[in-house]
């Protein structure tokens, strides 16, 4: 429920694609950005660029940014966390999309709950759910696996596990670092049985976005080039 004296931790969605900031940012997020002055961010440059692109009259130079990565420790944020507990509102901004979803910001949120700080998630674009919405696969039951293992053997075992789960009916969602997308797609079409359906959502909310679902065997015949393009993958069976 949060304490009476601590600030609020706002979870602020950022844009998925450059140039889409004003189109995808809700009035609620803009209202919060107009009064919050302190932020935990995955990347300071990206966070500054996002807020600046909204053109809402905020003095970027007056804002405080504290970087947080998956390898960071809370000692590095001792001062801002004390400031949050003392009553200052903070925002959490991811590199792209929703903070704390496939994002180290989840650790900040967990800390806030442990210390009785009020947490307010705000609505915004999610590449994960946009792809699921457009996939035609099971939106009633699904599982998000995040990033798959880099090691080829471990990745092959994980894909087999995902395939088996997909055949039970639930859509299986996963992703990869953009520069490894092609390697992941090649592994999928090689190791997954050809009748299972694969949806790929690419560069969502950008002018170049596309999303398409077809059997693995059809993807295998004509692999798209996904190098350095943000993408979400879903294995499953079409809704009937």
Protein backbone atom coordinates (compact mmCIF):
# COMPACT_ATOMS: atom_id res chain seq x y z
CA UNK A 1 0.00 0.00 0.00
CA UNK A 2 2.98 2.30 0.47
CA UNK A 3 3.84 4.59 3.38
CA UNK A 4 2.57 8.09 4.01
CA UNK A 5 6.02 9.62 3.86
CA UNK A 6 7.71 7.92 0.90
CA UNK A 7 7.46 9.05 -2.69
CA UNK A 8 5.76 7.10 -5.45
CA UNK A 9 7.62 4.92 -7.93
CA UNK A 10 6.08 5.44 -11.38
CA UNK A 11 6.74 2.79 -14.04
CA UNK A 12 6.95 4.83 -17.24
CA UNK A 13 6.70 3.09 -20.64
CA UNK A 14 9.03 4.45 -23.30
CA UNK A 15 8.65 4.28 -27.07
CA UNK A 16 9.53 1.12 -28.99
CA UNK A 17 10.63 2.95 -32.14
CA UNK A 18 12.34 6.28 -32.71
CA UNK A 19 9.89 8.85 -34.01
CA UNK A 20 6.86 7.18 -32.42
CA UNK A 21 7.16 8.89 -29.03
CA UNK A 22 4.29 11.33 -29.36
CA UNK A 23 2.01 8.80 -31.06
CA UNK A 24 2.30 6.05 -28.42
CA UNK A 25 2.70 8.04 -25.19
CA UNK A 26 -0.52 8.43 -23.21
CA UNK A 27 -1.71 11.68 -21.58
CA UNK A 28 -1.28 9.96 -18.21
CA UNK A 29 2.42 9.33 -18.86
CA UNK A 30 2.92 12.91 -20.06
CA UNK A 31 1.27 14.25 -16.90
CA UNK A 32 3.64 12.20 -14.73
CA UNK A 33 6.69 13.27 -16.75
CA UNK A 34 5.76 16.90 -16.22
CA UNK A 35 6.19 16.65 -12.46
CA UNK A 36 8.67 13.82 -11.81
CA UNK A 37 12.28 15.00 -11.74
CA UNK A 38 14.19 11.85 -10.73
CA UNK A 39 14.50 8.63 -12.70
CA UNK A 40 16.01 5.17 -12.53
CA UNK A 41 16.85 4.32 -16.14
CA UNK A 42 18.45 1.55 -18.14
CA UNK A 43 20.24 4.06 -20.36
CA UNK A 44 20.54 7.79 -19.62
CA UNK A 45 20.94 8.83 -23.26
CA UNK A 46 17.85 6.90 -24.37
CA UNK A 47 15.77 8.26 -21.48
CA UNK A 48 16.79 11.85 -22.24
CA UNK A 49 15.99 11.34 -25.92
CA UNK A 50 12.57 9.89 -25.13
CA UNK A 51 11.52 12.75 -22.85
CA UNK A 52 12.93 15.38 -25.19
CA UNK A 53 11.07 13.91 -28.19
CA UNK A 54 7.73 14.40 -26.41
CA UNK A 55 8.20 18.20 -26.51
CA UNK A 56 6.29 18.78 -23.28
CA UNK A 57 8.37 21.72 -22.03
CA UNK A 58 10.47 19.81 -19.51
CA UNK A 59 13.99 21.13 -18.80
CA UNK A 60 16.04 17.99 -19.46
CA UNK A 61 19.07 19.49 -17.76
CA UNK A 62 17.15 19.81 -14.49
CA UNK A 63 16.32 16.10 -14.33
CA UNK A 64 18.24 13.51 -12.32
CA UNK A 65 19.01 10.13 -13.95
CA UNK A 66 20.43 7.09 -12.17
CA UNK A 67 21.42 4.13 -14.33
CA UNK A 68 20.45 0.65 -13.22
CA UNK A 69 21.61 -2.55 -14.94
CA UNK A 70 21.13 -6.23 -14.18
CA UNK A 71 24.65 -6.31 -12.68
CA UNK A 72 24.17 -3.18 -10.55
CA UNK A 73 23.86 -3.35 -6.79
CA UNK A 74 21.73 -1.25 -4.50
CA UNK A 75 24.75 0.35 -2.83
CA UNK A 76 25.27 2.34 -6.03
CA UNK A 77 21.79 3.84 -5.61
CA UNK A 78 21.92 4.47 -1.89
CA UNK A 79 21.39 8.24 -2.17
CA UNK A 80 18.46 8.25 -4.63
CA UNK A 81 16.73 5.38 -2.84
CA UNK A 82 16.91 7.30 0.43
CA UNK A 83 15.48 10.28 -1.44
CA UNK A 84 12.57 8.12 -2.64
CA UNK A 85 11.90 6.93 0.92
CA UNK A 86 11.98 10.53 2.14
CA UNK A 87 9.12 11.55 -0.17
CA UNK A 88 10.51 12.31 -3.64
CA UNK A 89 8.65 10.75 -6.56
CA UNK A 90 10.76 8.69 -8.99
CA UNK A 91 10.15 7.19 -12.40
CA UNK A 92 11.55 3.98 -13.92
CA UNK A 93 12.25 4.10 -17.67
CA UNK A 94 13.38 1.11 -19.72
CA UNK A 95 15.47 1.19 -22.89
CA UNK A 96 12.27 0.52 -24.85
CA UNK A 97 8.72 -0.43 -23.99
CA UNK A 98 7.46 -1.38 -20.55
CA UNK A 99 9.83 -1.08 -17.59
CA UNK A 100 10.37 -4.16 -15.41
CA UNK A 101 9.22 -6.56 -18.17
CA UNK A 102 12.28 -8.39 -19.54
CA UNK A 103 14.08 -5.47 -17.94
CA UNK A 104 16.28 -4.96 -14.84
CA UNK A 105 13.86 -2.35 -13.53
CA UNK A 106 11.99 -5.22 -11.88
CA UNK A 107 14.65 -5.21 -9.16
CA UNK A 108 13.89 -1.57 -8.33
CA UNK A 109 10.18 -2.42 -8.15
CA UNK A 110 10.87 -5.36 -5.82
CA UNK A 111 12.95 -3.06 -3.59
CA UNK A 112 10.07 -0.58 -3.49
CA UNK A 113 7.62 -3.24 -2.31
CA UNK A 114 10.03 -4.40 0.40
CA UNK A 115 10.24 -0.85 1.72
CA UNK A 116 6.58 0.06 1.51
CA UNK A 117 6.91 2.45 -1.42
CA UNK A 118 3.80 2.93 -3.56
CA UNK A 119 4.25 1.57 -7.11
CA UNK A 120 2.21 2.91 -10.03
CA UNK A 121 2.55 1.15 -13.40
CA UNK A 122 1.44 3.28 -16.37
CA UNK A 123 0.07 2.03 -19.68
CA UNK A 124 2.11 2.04 -22.88
CA UNK A 125 3.34 0.06 -25.86
CA UNK A 126 4.60 -3.50 -25.32
CA UNK A 127 6.22 -5.39 -28.19
CA UNK A 128 5.35 -8.64 -26.40
CA UNK A 129 1.61 -8.01 -26.21
CA UNK A 130 1.37 -6.23 -29.54
CA UNK A 131 2.82 -9.33 -31.19
CA UNK A 132 0.54 -11.66 -29.25
CA UNK A 133 -2.47 -9.52 -30.20
CA UNK A 134 -1.56 -9.74 -33.87
CA UNK A 135 -0.49 -13.37 -33.92
CA UNK A 136 -3.78 -15.25 -34.14
CA UNK A 137 -2.32 -17.66 -31.59
CA UNK A 138 -3.69 -18.42 -28.11
CA UNK A 139 -4.29 -15.17 -26.25
CA UNK A 140 -6.06 -17.02 -23.43
CA UNK A 141 -3.03 -19.00 -22.33
CA UNK A 142 0.56 -18.00 -23.01
CA UNK A 143 4.05 -18.06 -21.50
CA UNK A 144 6.84 -15.52 -21.91
CA UNK A 145 10.35 -17.03 -21.81
CA UNK A 146 12.35 -13.84 -22.33
CA UNK A 147 15.77 -14.32 -23.90
CA UNK A 148 16.72 -17.86 -24.88
CA UNK A 149 20.19 -19.29 -24.06
CA UNK A 150 23.05 -18.25 -26.32
CA UNK A 151 24.78 -21.64 -26.14
CA UNK A 152 23.60 -23.73 -29.09
CA UNK A 153 23.05 -26.89 -27.07
CA UNK A 154 21.15 -25.14 -24.29
CA UNK A 155 19.12 -23.20 -26.84
CA UNK A 156 18.18 -26.41 -28.69
CA UNK A 157 16.97 -27.98 -25.43
CA UNK A 158 14.98 -24.88 -24.57
CA UNK A 159 13.35 -24.81 -28.01
CA UNK A 160 12.33 -28.45 -27.63
CA UNK A 161 10.79 -27.62 -24.26
CA UNK A 162 8.97 -24.63 -25.77
CA UNK A 163 7.70 -26.73 -28.68
CA UNK A 164 6.26 -29.33 -26.34
CA UNK A 165 4.52 -26.63 -24.32
CA UNK A 166 3.13 -25.02 -27.49
CA UNK A 167 1.57 -28.33 -28.51
CA UNK A 168 -0.32 -28.34 -25.22
CA UNK A 169 -2.11 -25.21 -26.43
CA UNK A 170 -0.45 -22.21 -24.78
CA UNK A 171 1.35 -19.68 -26.99
CA UNK A 172 5.09 -19.56 -26.24
CA UNK A 173 6.70 -16.12 -26.49
CA UNK A 174 10.44 -15.44 -26.62
CA UNK A 175 12.95 -12.93 -27.91
CA UNK A 176 16.62 -12.35 -28.69
CA UNK A 177 19.11 -9.51 -28.86
CA UNK A 178 18.56 -7.97 -32.33
CA UNK A 179 22.01 -8.82 -33.68
CA UNK A 180 21.39 -12.52 -32.87
CA UNK A 181 17.88 -12.69 -34.36
CA UNK A 182 18.95 -14.46 -37.55
CA UNK A 183 20.79 -17.16 -35.63
CA UNK A 184 17.74 -17.73 -33.44
CA UNK A 185 15.37 -17.93 -36.40
CA UNK A 186 17.64 -20.42 -38.15
CA UNK A 187 17.66 -22.55 -34.99
CA UNK A 188 13.87 -22.44 -34.75
CA UNK A 189 13.23 -23.60 -38.33
CA UNK A 190 15.89 -26.28 -37.99
CA UNK A 191 14.85 -27.74 -34.64
CA UNK A 192 11.09 -27.19 -34.40
CA UNK A 193 8.71 -29.52 -36.22
CA UNK A 194 7.45 -27.95 -39.48
CA UNK A 195 3.72 -28.06 -38.71
CA UNK A 196 3.86 -25.79 -35.65
CA UNK A 197 3.06 -22.12 -36.31
CA UNK A 198 5.55 -19.32 -35.74
CA UNK A 199 4.62 -15.65 -35.45
CA UNK A 200 7.27 -12.95 -35.82
CA UNK A 201 6.62 -9.32 -34.93
CA UNK A 202 9.29 -6.91 -36.18
CA UNK A 203 10.00 -3.20 -35.54
CA UNK A 204 6.58 -2.68 -33.99
CA UNK A 205 5.15 0.88 -33.95
CA UNK A 206 7.71 1.97 -36.57
CA UNK A 207 6.90 2.73 -40.24
CA UNK A 208 8.66 -0.54 -41.14
CA UNK A 209 6.74 -2.77 -38.74
CA UNK A 210 5.38 -6.11 -39.79
CA UNK A 211 3.85 -9.12 -38.12
CA UNK A 212 3.08 -12.48 -39.70
CA UNK A 213 2.15 -16.00 -38.63
CA UNK A 214 2.63 -19.15 -40.69
CA UNK A 215 3.86 -22.75 -40.24
CA UNK A 216 7.54 -23.24 -39.49
CA UNK A 217 7.93 -25.07 -42.81
CA UNK A 218 6.80 -21.94 -44.68
CA UNK A 219 9.29 -19.71 -42.83
CA UNK A 220 12.02 -22.21 -43.67
CA UNK A 221 11.42 -21.72 -47.38
CA UNK A 222 12.00 -17.97 -47.22
CA UNK A 223 13.81 -16.68 -44.13
CA UNK A 224 13.53 -12.91 -43.57
CA UNK A 225 16.60 -10.89 -42.61
CA UNK A 226 16.04 -9.83 -38.99
CA UNK A 227 19.58 -8.63 -38.27
CA UNK A 228 19.55 -5.71 -35.83
CA UNK A 229 15.75 -5.43 -36.01
CA UNK A 230 13.80 -5.66 -32.72
CA UNK A 231 11.65 -8.78 -32.93
CA UNK A 232 9.34 -10.98 -30.87
CA UNK A 233 8.80 -14.68 -31.65
CA UNK A 234 5.76 -16.79 -30.72
CA UNK A 235 5.32 -20.53 -31.25
CA UNK A 236 1.86 -21.99 -31.05
CA UNK A 237 -1.23 -23.27 -32.78
CA UNK A 238 -3.79 -21.00 -34.48
CA UNK A 239 -6.94 -20.15 -32.57
CA UNK A 240 -9.97 -22.03 -33.87
